[in-house]
């Protein structure tokens, strides 16, 4: 089960105001199939995935199984 925090929900709205749309589907894909995972902030994980030629989506999350 994936739960989006209030911070994440607010971030979607902020980006939308700047005409940069990120969907929950993109976030889920980044977590499920990341191109890279940064573990330097354990227990938080930072999944990374390219969204276009110039931009990378970073998703900070905690694995609830641990």
C-alpha atoms as a PDB file:
ATOM      1  CA  UNK A   1       0.000   0.000   0.000  1.00  0.00           C
ATOM      2  CA  UNK A   2       1.342   3.414  -0.953  1.00  0.00           C
ATOM      3  CA  UNK A   3       0.225   6.479   0.974  1.00  0.00           C
ATOM      4  CA  UNK A   4       0.859   9.973  -0.364  1.00  0.00           C
ATOM      5  CA  UNK A   5       1.658  12.429   2.427  1.00  0.00           C
ATOM      6  CA  UNK A   6       0.120  15.874   2.694  1.00  0.00           C
ATOM      7  CA  UNK A   7       3.497  17.267   1.601  1.00  0.00           C
ATOM      8  CA  UNK A   8       3.362  15.167  -1.581  1.00  0.00           C
ATOM      9  CA  UNK A   9      -0.221  16.211  -2.312  1.00  0.00           C
ATOM     10  CA  UNK A  10       0.765  19.863  -1.870  1.00  0.00           C
ATOM     11  CA  UNK A  11       3.751  19.391  -4.173  1.00  0.00           C
ATOM     12  CA  UNK A  12       1.464  18.184  -6.979  1.00  0.00           C
ATOM     13  CA  UNK A  13      -0.516  21.423  -6.642  1.00  0.00           C
ATOM     14  CA  UNK A  14       2.572  23.650  -6.532  1.00  0.00           C
ATOM     15  CA  UNK A  15       3.996  22.031  -9.657  1.00  0.00           C
ATOM     16  CA  UNK A  16       0.627  22.318 -11.399  1.00  0.00           C
ATOM     17  CA  UNK A  17       0.604  26.087 -10.754  1.00  0.00           C
ATOM     18  CA  UNK A  18       3.981  26.240 -12.506  1.00  0.00           C
ATOM     19  CA  UNK A  19       2.526  24.265 -15.432  1.00  0.00           C
ATOM     20  CA  UNK A  20       4.726  21.266 -14.667  1.00  0.00           C
ATOM     21  CA  UNK A  21       2.464  18.266 -14.300  1.00  0.00           C
ATOM     22  CA  UNK A  22       3.591  15.191 -12.415  1.00  0.00           C
ATOM     23  CA  UNK A  23       1.073  12.413 -11.953  1.00  0.00           C
ATOM     24  CA  UNK A  24       0.697   9.895  -9.184  1.00  0.00           C
ATOM     25  CA  UNK A  25       1.197   7.256 -11.860  1.00  0.00           C
ATOM     26  CA  UNK A  26       4.657   8.717 -12.623  1.00  0.00           C
ATOM     27  CA  UNK A  27       5.514   8.699  -8.925  1.00  0.00           C
ATOM     28  CA  UNK A  28       4.389   5.093  -8.540  1.00  0.00           C
ATOM     29  CA  UNK A  29       6.385   4.021 -11.606  1.00  0.00           C
ATOM     30  CA  UNK A  30       9.453   5.757 -10.164  1.00  0.00           C
ATOM     31  CA  UNK A  31       9.112   3.858  -6.882  1.00  0.00           C
ATOM     32  CA  UNK A  32       8.272   0.526  -8.522  1.00  0.00           C
ATOM     33  CA  UNK A  33      10.867   0.679 -11.326  1.00  0.00           C
ATOM     34  CA  UNK A  34      13.516   3.249 -10.411  1.00  0.00           C
ATOM     35  CA  UNK A  35      16.563   3.827 -12.581  1.00  0.00           C
ATOM     36  CA  UNK A  36      18.536   4.495  -9.405  1.00  0.00           C
ATOM     37  CA  UNK A  37      17.933   4.301  -5.648  1.00  0.00           C
ATOM     38  CA  UNK A  38      19.883   6.538  -3.295  1.00  0.00           C
ATOM     39  CA  UNK A  39      20.175   5.025   0.199  1.00  0.00           C
ATOM     40  CA  UNK A  40      22.261   7.797   1.750  1.00  0.00           C
ATOM     41  CA  UNK A  41      19.357   8.980   3.952  1.00  0.00           C
ATOM     42  CA  UNK A  42      18.253   5.626   5.390  1.00  0.00           C
ATOM     43  CA  UNK A  43      15.610   4.765   6.490  1.00  0.00           C
ATOM     44  CA  UNK A  44      14.409   7.062   3.690  1.00  0.00           C
ATOM     45  CA  UNK A  45      14.988   5.942   0.125  1.00  0.00           C
ATOM     46  CA  UNK A  46      15.206   8.251  -2.881  1.00  0.00           C
ATOM     47  CA  UNK A  47      14.048   6.683  -6.139  1.00  0.00           C
ATOM     48  CA  UNK A  48      15.103   8.377  -9.354  1.00  0.00           C
ATOM     49  CA  UNK A  49      13.738   8.152 -12.899  1.00  0.00           C
ATOM     50  CA  UNK A  50      14.096  10.346 -15.972  1.00  0.00           C
ATOM     51  CA  UNK A  51      10.867  12.029 -17.049  1.00  0.00           C
ATOM     52  CA  UNK A  52      12.264  13.771 -20.116  1.00  0.00           C
ATOM     53  CA  UNK A  53      15.561  14.742 -21.687  1.00  0.00           C
ATOM     54  CA  UNK A  54      16.309  17.440 -19.105  1.00  0.00           C
ATOM     55  CA  UNK A  55      14.450  16.412 -15.958  1.00  0.00           C
ATOM     56  CA  UNK A  56      14.633  13.691 -13.342  1.00  0.00           C
ATOM     57  CA  UNK A  57      11.890  12.812 -10.877  1.00  0.00           C
ATOM     58  CA  UNK A  58      13.099  12.106  -7.329  1.00  0.00           C
ATOM     59  CA  UNK A  59      10.704  10.386  -4.948  1.00  0.00           C
ATOM     60  CA  UNK A  60      11.566  10.212  -1.266  1.00  0.00           C
ATOM     61  CA  UNK A  61       9.851   7.347   0.506  1.00  0.00           C
ATOM     62  CA  UNK A  62      10.086   4.897   3.372  1.00  0.00           C
ATOM     63  CA  UNK A  63       9.562   1.197   2.883  1.00  0.00           C
ATOM     64  CA  UNK A  64       6.935   0.170   5.425  1.00  0.00           C
ATOM     65  CA  UNK A  65       8.128  -3.447   5.385  1.00  0.00           C
ATOM     66  CA  UNK A  66      11.250  -2.605   7.388  1.00  0.00           C
END
